[in-house]
Amino acid sequence: MGKFCKSAPIILIPLLIACSTVPISNRDRLNFVSDSRINSIAAQEYQQFLSENRPTINQNQQQVKLVRKVGFRIRDAVERYFIQNNQQISFSWEFNVIQNSQANAWAMPGGKVMVYSGIFEKTRNEEGLAVVISHEIAHAAAKHGAERMSQQTLLNLGGYALSKSGAGEGFMKAFSIGSHYGIMLPYSRKHEYEADHLGLIFMAMAGYDPKAAVDFWQRMSENSSAAPEFMSTHPCDRKRIQALKDLMPEAKRYYRQSIKSGRQ
């Protein structure tokens, strides 16, 4: 039986829903999508991506070697954290590089991580790359994909119920706009902040100095022409950097512990 989840939009919640807690942040998370289902979907999409982009995957072996070195080091820290806290994480990890000028990276549910070669200009070194990979792994570890799928399902049900109730076109349009800007985008920004938080801790546990995260995001903010925050899936650069600075004392504790344990 699920418990009431405070973080979900109240007007759309069934009386009983599946709710769990995100590691480290301890936020209540709405999720009624099973790991097996979303990992299976992600694996299929990942294989399709590899198939469609095969000629540009893993061309630069120096980049691939570095990505996998950092990725497996952070993977070990994540799995160690879950074991120490009596939690489970069953991922089939993969770390690959696509030759693409975008400064980008992503991780699919189940631990499939793709780094775009364009990001190396911003990461500059191993610790900068650790910021990126730990952030993407954090999205997967926090099950943000399953949570977004759950939220979208509830919104679809809400829209369907309104249409059946005879709501007019204007009301339906208002519901669509309100749910997009009032629910989905704010949740996306919350996920980004949370991935920054978890990623900071994971990289520190892996023996990477967390202060590299502030340096990286400051570089990413240079010449940025981002949309206003309320229209964006990501936080504004200034708020993101300040949030990382606020989290630094917590991350530094994990970093000092990792240094004592010889994880460098």
C-alpha atoms as a PDB file:
ATOM      1  CA  MET A   1       0.000   0.000   0.000  1.00  0.00           C
ATOM      2  CA  GLY A   2       1.355   3.422  -0.915  1.00  0.00           C
ATOM      3  CA  LYS A   3       1.456   6.474   1.292  1.00  0.00           C
ATOM      4  CA  PHE A   4       0.257  10.006   0.616  1.00  0.00           C
ATOM      5  CA  CYS A   5       2.940  11.860  -1.315  1.00  0.00           C
ATOM      6  CA  LYS A   6       3.255  15.536  -0.422  1.00  0.00           C
ATOM      7  CA  SER A   7       5.219  16.412  -3.561  1.00  0.00           C
ATOM      8  CA  ALA A   8       2.490  15.423  -6.037  1.00  0.00           C
ATOM      9  CA  PRO A   9      -0.174  17.815  -7.380  1.00  0.00           C
ATOM     10  CA  ILE A  10      -3.024  17.256  -4.919  1.00  0.00           C
ATOM     11  CA  ILE A  11      -5.976  17.671  -7.274  1.00  0.00           C
ATOM     12  CA  LEU A  12      -4.729  14.814  -9.419  1.00  0.00           C
ATOM     13  CA  ILE A  13      -3.733  12.282  -6.767  1.00  0.00           C
ATOM     14  CA  PRO A  14      -5.647   9.076  -6.219  1.00  0.00           C
ATOM     15  CA  LEU A  15      -6.244   8.348  -2.538  1.00  0.00           C
ATOM     16  CA  LEU A  16      -3.562   5.670  -2.538  1.00  0.00           C
ATOM     17  CA  ILE A  17      -0.413   6.097  -4.615  1.00  0.00           C
ATOM     18  CA  ALA A  18       3.116   4.780  -4.692  1.00  0.00           C
ATOM     19  CA  CYS A  19       5.555   7.092  -2.969  1.00  0.00           C
ATOM     20  CA  SER A  20       9.191   6.561  -2.047  1.00  0.00           C
ATOM     21  CA  THR A  21      12.127   8.662  -0.865  1.00  0.00           C
ATOM     22  CA  VAL A  22      15.012   9.977  -2.944  1.00  0.00           C
ATOM     23  CA  PRO A  23      18.418   9.040  -1.484  1.00  0.00           C
ATOM     24  CA  ILE A  24      20.475  11.845   0.104  1.00  0.00           C
ATOM     25  CA  SER A  25      17.883  14.597  -0.463  1.00  0.00           C
ATOM     26  CA  ASN A  26      15.177  12.547   1.353  1.00  0.00           C
ATOM     27  CA  ARG A  27      12.460  14.116  -0.789  1.00  0.00           C
ATOM     28  CA  ASP A  28       9.177  12.255  -1.147  1.00  0.00           C
ATOM     29  CA  ARG A  29       8.975  10.962  -4.709  1.00  0.00           C
ATOM     30  CA  LEU A  30       5.821  10.048  -6.613  1.00  0.00           C
ATOM     31  CA  ASN A  31       6.500   6.920  -8.638  1.00  0.00           C
ATOM     32  CA  PHE A  32       4.222   4.106  -9.701  1.00  0.00           C
ATOM     33  CA  VAL A  33       6.390   2.991 -12.647  1.00  0.00           C
ATOM     34  CA  SER A  34       8.376  -0.149 -11.872  1.00  0.00           C
ATOM     35  CA  ASP A  35      12.149  -0.267 -12.328  1.00  0.00           C
ATOM     36  CA  SER A  36      11.814  -3.213 -14.699  1.00  0.00           C
ATOM     37  CA  ARG A  37       9.372  -1.329 -16.931  1.00  0.00           C
ATOM     38  CA  ILE A  38      11.271   1.947 -17.231  1.00  0.00           C
ATOM     39  CA  ASN A  39      14.675   0.250 -17.473  1.00  0.00           C
ATOM     40  CA  SER A  40      13.344  -1.914 -20.294  1.00  0.00           C
ATOM     41  CA  ILE A  41      11.975   1.126 -22.146  1.00  0.00           C
ATOM     42  CA  ALA A  42      15.252   3.007 -21.613  1.00  0.00           C
ATOM     43  CA  ALA A  43      17.355   0.064 -22.812  1.00  0.00           C
ATOM     44  CA  GLN A  44      15.353  -0.128 -26.042  1.00  0.00           C
ATOM     45  CA  GLU A  45      15.661   3.613 -26.671  1.00  0.00           C
ATOM     46  CA  TYR A  46      19.366   3.490 -25.867  1.00  0.00           C
ATOM     47  CA  GLN A  47      19.984   0.678 -28.342  1.00  0.00           C
ATOM     48  CA  GLN A  48      18.041   2.611 -30.970  1.00  0.00           C
ATOM     49  CA  PHE A  49      20.186   5.692 -30.301  1.00  0.00           C
ATOM     50  CA  LEU A  50      23.375   3.629 -30.639  1.00  0.00           C
ATOM     51  CA  SER A  51      22.134   2.068 -33.855  1.00  0.00           C
ATOM     52  CA  GLU A  52      21.202   5.406 -35.412  1.00  0.00           C
ATOM     53  CA  ASN A  53      24.485   7.066 -34.380  1.00  0.00           C
ATOM     54  CA  ARG A  54      26.903   4.130 -34.664  1.00  0.00           C
ATOM     55  CA  PRO A  55      29.469   5.890 -36.930  1.00  0.00           C
ATOM     56  CA  THR A  56      29.937   8.681 -34.356  1.00  0.00           C
ATOM     57  CA  ILE A  57      30.076   6.558 -31.194  1.00  0.00           C
ATOM     58  CA  ASN A  58      33.419   6.033 -29.400  1.00  0.00           C
ATOM     59  CA  GLN A  59      35.638   7.354 -32.181  1.00  0.00           C
ATOM     60  CA  ASN A  60      38.056   9.109 -29.829  1.00  0.00           C
ATOM     61  CA  GLN A  61      39.495   6.400 -27.610  1.00  0.00           C
ATOM     62  CA  GLN A  62      41.247   8.900 -25.322  1.00  0.00           C
ATOM     63  CA  GLN A  63      37.904  10.503 -24.516  1.00  0.00           C
ATOM     64  CA  VAL A  64      36.228   7.116 -24.096  1.00  0.00           C
ATOM     65  CA  LYS A  65      38.956   5.941 -21.727  1.00  0.00           C
ATOM     66  CA  LEU A  66      38.576   9.041 -19.545  1.00  0.00           C
ATOM     67  CA  VAL A  67      34.769   8.881 -19.526  1.00  0.00           C
ATOM     68  CA  ARG A  68      34.814   5.248 -18.466  1.00  0.00           C
ATOM     69  CA  LYS A  69      37.485   5.847 -15.831  1.00  0.00           C
ATOM     70  CA  VAL A  70      35.400   8.623 -14.260  1.00  0.00           C
ATOM     71  CA  GLY A  71      32.102   6.828 -14.837  1.00  0.00           C
ATOM     72  CA  PHE A  72      33.105   3.566 -13.192  1.00  0.00           C
ATOM     73  CA  ARG A  73      34.680   5.416 -10.273  1.00  0.00           C
ATOM     74  CA  ILE A  74      31.426   7.285  -9.629  1.00  0.00           C
ATOM     75  CA  ARG A  75      29.426   4.089 -10.244  1.00  0.00           C
ATOM     76  CA  ASP A  76      31.404   2.402  -7.454  1.00  0.00           C
ATOM     77  CA  ALA A  77      30.643   5.303  -5.104  1.00  0.00           C
ATOM     78  CA  VAL A  78      26.914   5.168  -5.927  1.00  0.00           C
ATOM     79  CA  GLU A  79      26.670   1.419  -5.424  1.00  0.00           C
ATOM     80  CA  ARG A  80      28.651   1.696  -2.196  1.00  0.00           C
ATOM     81  CA  TYR A  81      26.246   4.362  -0.915  1.00  0.00           C
ATOM     82  CA  PHE A  82      23.203   2.224  -1.683  1.00  0.00           C
ATOM     83  CA  ILE A  83      24.710  -0.836   0.009  1.00  0.00           C
ATOM     84  CA  GLN A  84      25.677   1.156   3.103  1.00  0.00           C
ATOM     85  CA  ASN A  85      22.121   2.479   3.370  1.00  0.00           C
ATOM     86  CA  ASN A  86      20.437  -0.897   2.815  1.00  0.00           C
ATOM     87  CA  GLN A  87      19.007   0.153  -0.538  1.00  0.00           C
ATOM     88  CA  GLN A  88      19.141  -1.478  -3.932  1.00  0.00           C
ATOM     89  CA  ILE A  89      20.290  -0.209  -7.297  1.00  0.00           C
ATOM     90  CA  SER A  90      20.222  -2.698 -10.163  1.00  0.00           C
ATOM     91  CA  PHE A  91      21.737  -0.935 -13.159  1.00  0.00           C
ATOM     92  CA  SER A  92      23.450  -2.341 -16.243  1.00  0.00           C
ATOM     93  CA  TRP A  93      25.985   0.454 -16.516  1.00  0.00           C
ATOM     94  CA  GLU A  94      27.346   1.721 -19.838  1.00  0.00           C
ATOM     95  CA  PHE A  95      29.504   4.784 -20.555  1.00  0.00           C
ATOM     96  CA  ASN A  96      29.991   5.962 -24.117  1.00  0.00           C
ATOM     97  CA  VAL A  97      30.986   9.072 -26.072  1.00  0.00           C
ATOM     98  CA  ILE A  98      29.343  10.513 -29.180  1.00  0.00           C
ATOM     99  CA  GLN A  99      31.243  12.867 -31.469  1.00  0.00           C
ATOM    100  CA  ASN A 100      28.949  15.869 -31.361  1.00  0.00           C
ATOM    101  CA  SER A 101      29.782  19.550 -30.866  1.00  0.00           C
ATOM    102  CA  GLN A 102      27.000  20.067 -28.308  1.00  0.00           C
ATOM    103  CA  ALA A 103      28.108  20.647 -24.712  1.00  0.00           C
ATOM    104  CA  ASN A 104      25.800  17.932 -23.478  1.00  0.00           C
ATOM    105  CA  ALA A 105      25.483  14.589 -21.701  1.00  0.00           C
ATOM    106  CA  TRP A 106      22.617  12.420 -20.480  1.00  0.00           C
ATOM    107  CA  ALA A 107      21.861   9.264 -18.553  1.00  0.00           C
ATOM    108  CA  MET A 108      18.916   6.970 -19.145  1.00  0.00           C
ATOM    109  CA  PRO A 109      17.230   4.960 -16.397  1.00  0.00           C
ATOM    110  CA  GLY A 110      19.248   1.839 -15.721  1.00  0.00           C
ATOM    111  CA  GLY A 111      22.642   3.543 -15.947  1.00  0.00           C
ATOM    112  CA  LYS A 112      23.122   4.177 -19.678  1.00  0.00           C
ATOM    113  CA  VAL A 113      25.345   7.277 -19.880  1.00  0.00           C
ATOM    114  CA  MET A 114      26.215   9.187 -23.052  1.00  0.00           C
ATOM    115  CA  VAL A 115      28.726  12.053 -23.104  1.00  0.00           C
ATOM    116  CA  TYR A 116      28.900  14.446 -26.063  1.00  0.00           C
ATOM    117  CA  SER A 117      32.420  15.341 -27.177  1.00  0.00           C
ATOM    118  CA  GLY A 118      31.519  19.042 -27.156  1.00  0.00           C
ATOM    119  CA  ILE A 119      31.343  19.009 -23.354  1.00  0.00           C
ATOM    120  CA  PHE A 120      35.095  18.452 -23.023  1.00  0.00           C
ATOM    121  CA  GLU A 121      35.720  22.093 -23.879  1.00  0.00           C
ATOM    122  CA  LYS A 122      33.802  23.006 -20.707  1.00  0.00           C
ATOM    123  CA  THR A 123      34.932  20.183 -18.409  1.00  0.00           C
ATOM    124  CA  ARG A 124      38.630  20.795 -19.207  1.00  0.00           C
ATOM    125  CA  ASN A 125      39.915  18.076 -16.848  1.00  0.00           C
ATOM    126  CA  GLU A 126      38.957  14.866 -15.041  1.00  0.00           C
ATOM    127  CA  GLU A 127      37.255  16.624 -12.127  1.00  0.00           C
ATOM    128  CA  GLY A 128      35.183  18.759 -14.496  1.00  0.00           C
ATOM    129  CA  LEU A 129      34.080  15.597 -16.283  1.00  0.00           C
ATOM    130  CA  ALA A 130      33.206  14.068 -12.903  1.00  0.00           C
ATOM    131  CA  VAL A 131      30.787  16.960 -12.321  1.00  0.00           C
ATOM    132  CA  VAL A 132      28.931  16.160 -15.539  1.00  0.00           C
ATOM    133  CA  ILE A 133      28.839  12.386 -15.172  1.00  0.00           C
ATOM    134  CA  SER A 134      27.876  12.437 -11.493  1.00  0.00           C
ATOM    135  CA  HIS A 135      25.026  14.867 -12.274  1.00  0.00           C
ATOM    136  CA  GLU A 136      23.659  12.606 -15.006  1.00  0.00           C
ATOM    137  CA  ILE A 137      24.043   9.473 -12.884  1.00  0.00           C
ATOM    138  CA  ALA A 138      22.189  11.293 -10.105  1.00  0.00           C
ATOM    139  CA  HIS A 139      19.156  11.731 -12.382  1.00  0.00           C
ATOM    140  CA  ALA A 140      19.098   7.963 -12.915  1.00  0.00           C
ATOM    141  CA  ALA A 141      19.754   7.097  -9.257  1.00  0.00           C
ATOM    142  CA  ALA A 142      16.942   9.436  -8.142  1.00  0.00           C
ATOM    143  CA  LYS A 143      14.589   7.797 -10.681  1.00  0.00           C
ATOM    144  CA  HIS A 144      13.617  11.129 -12.177  1.00  0.00           C
ATOM    145  CA  GLY A 145      12.572   9.457 -15.425  1.00  0.00           C
ATOM    146  CA  ALA A 146      10.051   7.238 -13.687  1.00  0.00           C
ATOM    147  CA  GLU A 147       8.801  10.165 -11.645  1.00  0.00           C
ATOM    148  CA  ARG A 148       8.213  12.296 -14.736  1.00  0.00           C
ATOM    149  CA  MET A 149       6.400   9.411 -16.399  1.00  0.00           C
ATOM    150  CA  SER A 150       4.200   9.050 -13.310  1.00  0.00           C
ATOM    151  CA  GLN A 151       3.445  12.782 -13.228  1.00  0.00           C
ATOM    152  CA  GLN A 152       2.591  12.854 -16.915  1.00  0.00           C
ATOM    153  CA  THR A 153       0.250   9.897 -16.475  1.00  0.00           C
ATOM    154  CA  LEU A 154      -1.634  11.738 -13.727  1.00  0.00           C
ATOM    155  CA  LEU A 155      -1.860  14.894 -15.821  1.00  0.00           C
ATOM    156  CA  ASN A 156      -3.168  12.894 -18.772  1.00  0.00           C
ATOM    157  CA  LEU A 157      -5.799  11.333 -16.517  1.00  0.00           C
ATOM    158  CA  GLY A 158      -6.738  14.780 -15.200  1.00  0.00           C
ATOM    159  CA  GLY A 159      -7.099  16.154 -18.716  1.00  0.00           C
ATOM    160  CA  TYR A 160      -9.178  13.160 -19.765  1.00  0.00           C
ATOM    161  CA  ALA A 161     -11.470  13.589 -16.756  1.00  0.00           C
ATOM    162  CA  LEU A 162     -11.966  17.276 -17.545  1.00  0.00           C
ATOM    163  CA  SER A 163     -12.789  16.544 -21.183  1.00  0.00           C
ATOM    164  CA  LYS A 164     -15.387  13.974 -20.103  1.00  0.00           C
ATOM    165  CA  SER A 165     -16.887  16.438 -17.641  1.00  0.00           C
ATOM    166  CA  GLY A 166     -17.802  18.761 -20.476  1.00  0.00           C
ATOM    167  CA  ALA A 167     -15.189  21.439 -19.768  1.00  0.00           C
ATOM    168  CA  GLY A 168     -14.975  24.020 -22.530  1.00  0.00           C
ATOM    169  CA  GLU A 169     -12.056  24.487 -24.943  1.00  0.00           C
ATOM    170  CA  GLY A 170     -10.834  27.562 -23.044  1.00  0.00           C
ATOM    171  CA  PHE A 171     -10.753  25.699 -19.747  1.00  0.00           C
ATOM    172  CA  MET A 172      -8.943  22.743 -21.326  1.00  0.00           C
ATOM    173  CA  LYS A 173      -6.342  25.105 -22.812  1.00  0.00           C
ATOM    174  CA  ALA A 174      -5.868  26.787 -19.429  1.00  0.00           C
ATOM    175  CA  PHE A 175      -5.405  23.377 -17.810  1.00  0.00           C
ATOM    176  CA  SER A 176      -2.789  22.416 -20.411  1.00  0.00           C
ATOM    177  CA  ILE A 177      -0.823  25.662 -20.011  1.00  0.00           C
ATOM    178  CA  GLY A 178      -1.160  25.641 -16.221  1.00  0.00           C
ATOM    179  CA  SER A 179       0.031  22.056 -15.885  1.00  0.00           C
ATOM    180  CA  HIS A 180       2.999  22.713 -18.199  1.00  0.00           C
ATOM    181  CA  TYR A 181       4.253  25.906 -16.533  1.00  0.00           C
ATOM    182  CA  GLY A 182       2.884  25.266 -13.048  1.00  0.00           C
ATOM    183  CA  ILE A 183       3.693  21.585 -12.594  1.00  0.00           C
ATOM    184  CA  MET A 184       5.971  19.962 -15.183  1.00  0.00           C
ATOM    185  CA  LEU A 185       8.558  22.734 -15.602  1.00  0.00           C
ATOM    186  CA  PRO A 186       8.901  23.454 -11.863  1.00  0.00           C
ATOM    187  CA  TYR A 187       9.333  19.720 -11.233  1.00  0.00           C
ATOM    188  CA  SER A 188      11.984  19.568 -13.954  1.00  0.00           C
ATOM    189  CA  ARG A 189      13.875  22.403 -12.265  1.00  0.00           C
ATOM    190  CA  LYS A 190      13.518  20.638  -8.924  1.00  0.00           C
ATOM    191  CA  HIS A 191      15.011  17.521 -10.498  1.00  0.00           C
ATOM    192  CA  GLU A 192      17.956  19.546 -11.795  1.00  0.00           C
ATOM    193  CA  TYR A 193      18.659  21.002  -8.356  1.00  0.00           C
ATOM    194  CA  GLU A 194      18.343  17.536  -6.865  1.00  0.00           C
ATOM    195  CA  ALA A 195      20.694  16.016  -9.451  1.00  0.00           C
ATOM    196  CA  ASP A 196      23.196  18.765  -8.623  1.00  0.00           C
ATOM    197  CA  HIS A 197      22.885  17.842  -4.936  1.00  0.00           C
ATOM    198  CA  LEU A 198      23.195  14.087  -5.375  1.00  0.00           C
ATOM    199  CA  GLY A 199      25.872  14.465  -8.032  1.00  0.00           C
ATOM    200  CA  LEU A 200      27.944  16.673  -5.739  1.00  0.00           C
ATOM    201  CA  ILE A 201      27.835  14.014  -3.017  1.00  0.00           C
ATOM    202  CA  PHE A 202      28.519  11.126  -5.410  1.00  0.00           C
ATOM    203  CA  MET A 203      31.588  12.810  -6.920  1.00  0.00           C
ATOM    204  CA  ALA A 204      32.862  13.665  -3.439  1.00  0.00           C
ATOM    205  CA  MET A 205      32.385  10.041  -2.356  1.00  0.00           C
ATOM    206  CA  ALA A 206      34.388   9.015  -5.425  1.00  0.00           C
ATOM    207  CA  GLY A 207      37.290  11.228  -4.335  1.00  0.00           C
ATOM    208  CA  TYR A 208      36.709  14.194  -6.651  1.00  0.00           C
ATOM    209  CA  ASP A 209      36.873  17.667  -5.115  1.00  0.00           C
ATOM    210  CA  PRO A 210      33.277  18.997  -5.171  1.00  0.00           C
ATOM    211  CA  LYS A 211      34.397  22.604  -5.615  1.00  0.00           C
ATOM    212  CA  ALA A 212      35.000  21.669  -9.263  1.00  0.00           C
ATOM    213  CA  ALA A 213      31.207  21.779  -9.671  1.00  0.00           C
ATOM    214  CA  VAL A 214      31.062  25.530  -9.029  1.00  0.00           C
ATOM    215  CA  ASP A 215      33.923  26.142 -11.457  1.00  0.00           C
ATOM    216  CA  PHE A 216      32.237  24.013 -14.130  1.00  0.00           C
ATOM    217  CA  TRP A 217      28.837  25.700 -13.893  1.00  0.00           C
ATOM    218  CA  GLN A 218      30.467  29.123 -13.921  1.00  0.00           C
ATOM    219  CA  ARG A 219      32.103  28.176 -17.221  1.00  0.00           C
ATOM    220  CA  MET A 220      28.769  26.856 -18.515  1.00  0.00           C
ATOM    221  CA  SER A 221      27.101  30.163 -17.622  1.00  0.00           C
ATOM    222  CA  GLU A 222      29.497  32.176 -19.809  1.00  0.00           C
ATOM    223  CA  ASN A 223      27.749  33.611 -22.865  1.00  0.00           C
ATOM    224  CA  SER A 224      24.559  31.859 -21.777  1.00  0.00           C
ATOM    225  CA  SER A 225      21.328  32.987 -23.444  1.00  0.00           C
ATOM    226  CA  ALA A 226      18.916  30.874 -21.426  1.00  0.00           C
ATOM    227  CA  ALA A 227      15.177  31.460 -21.432  1.00  0.00           C
ATOM    228  CA  PRO A 228      13.525  32.970 -18.320  1.00  0.00           C
ATOM    229  CA  GLU A 229      13.537  30.391 -15.540  1.00  0.00           C
ATOM    230  CA  PHE A 230       9.755  29.938 -15.382  1.00  0.00           C
ATOM    231  CA  MET A 231       9.835  28.876 -19.067  1.00  0.00           C
ATOM    232  CA  SER A 232      12.795  26.541 -18.677  1.00  0.00           C
ATOM    233  CA  THR A 233      13.408  22.966 -17.551  1.00  0.00           C
ATOM    234  CA  HIS A 234      16.647  24.116 -15.904  1.00  0.00           C
ATOM    235  CA  PRO A 235      17.358  26.576 -13.069  1.00  0.00           C
ATOM    236  CA  CYS A 236      18.969  29.903 -13.921  1.00  0.00           C
ATOM    237  CA  ASP A 237      22.761  29.805 -13.709  1.00  0.00           C
ATOM    238  CA  ARG A 238      23.020  32.236 -10.785  1.00  0.00           C
ATOM    239  CA  LYS A 239      20.638  30.256  -8.578  1.00  0.00           C
ATOM    240  CA  ARG A 240      22.224  26.957  -9.541  1.00  0.00           C
ATOM    241  CA  ILE A 241      25.727  28.118  -8.652  1.00  0.00           C
ATOM    242  CA  GLN A 242      24.576  29.584  -5.344  1.00  0.00           C
ATOM    243  CA  ALA A 243      22.771  26.340  -4.459  1.00  0.00           C
ATOM    244  CA  LEU A 244      25.990  24.409  -5.123  1.00  0.00           C
ATOM    245  CA  LYS A 245      27.930  26.785  -2.888  1.00  0.00           C
ATOM    246  CA  ASP A 246      25.345  26.277  -0.134  1.00  0.00           C
ATOM    247  CA  LEU A 247      25.775  22.492  -0.411  1.00  0.00           C
ATOM    248  CA  MET A 248      29.568  22.627  -0.316  1.00  0.00           C
ATOM    249  CA  PRO A 249      30.008  22.048   3.460  1.00  0.00           C
ATOM    250  CA  GLU A 250      28.008  18.802   3.224  1.00  0.00           C
ATOM    251  CA  ALA A 251      29.912  17.680   0.125  1.00  0.00           C
ATOM    252  CA  LYS A 252      33.263  18.520   1.704  1.00  0.00           C
ATOM    253  CA  ARG A 253      32.515  16.132   4.580  1.00  0.00           C
ATOM    254  CA  TYR A 254      32.051  13.276   2.120  1.00  0.00           C
ATOM    255  CA  TYR A 255      35.170  14.370   0.249  1.00  0.00           C
ATOM    256  CA  ARG A 256      37.305  14.323   3.402  1.00  0.00           C
ATOM    257  CA  GLN A 257      35.995  10.843   4.228  1.00  0.00           C
ATOM    258  CA  SER A 258      36.877   9.623   0.741  1.00  0.00           C
ATOM    259  CA  ILE A 259      40.393  11.043   1.062  1.00  0.00           C
ATOM    260  CA  LYS A 260      40.876   9.234   4.370  1.00  0.00           C
ATOM    261  CA  SER A 261      39.733   6.031   2.685  1.00  0.00           C
ATOM    262  CA  GLY A 262      42.256   6.526  -0.124  1.00  0.00           C
ATOM    263  CA  ARG A 263      39.633   6.952  -2.886  1.00  0.00           C
ATOM    264  CA  GLN A 264      41.547   9.279  -5.205  1.00  0.00           C
END
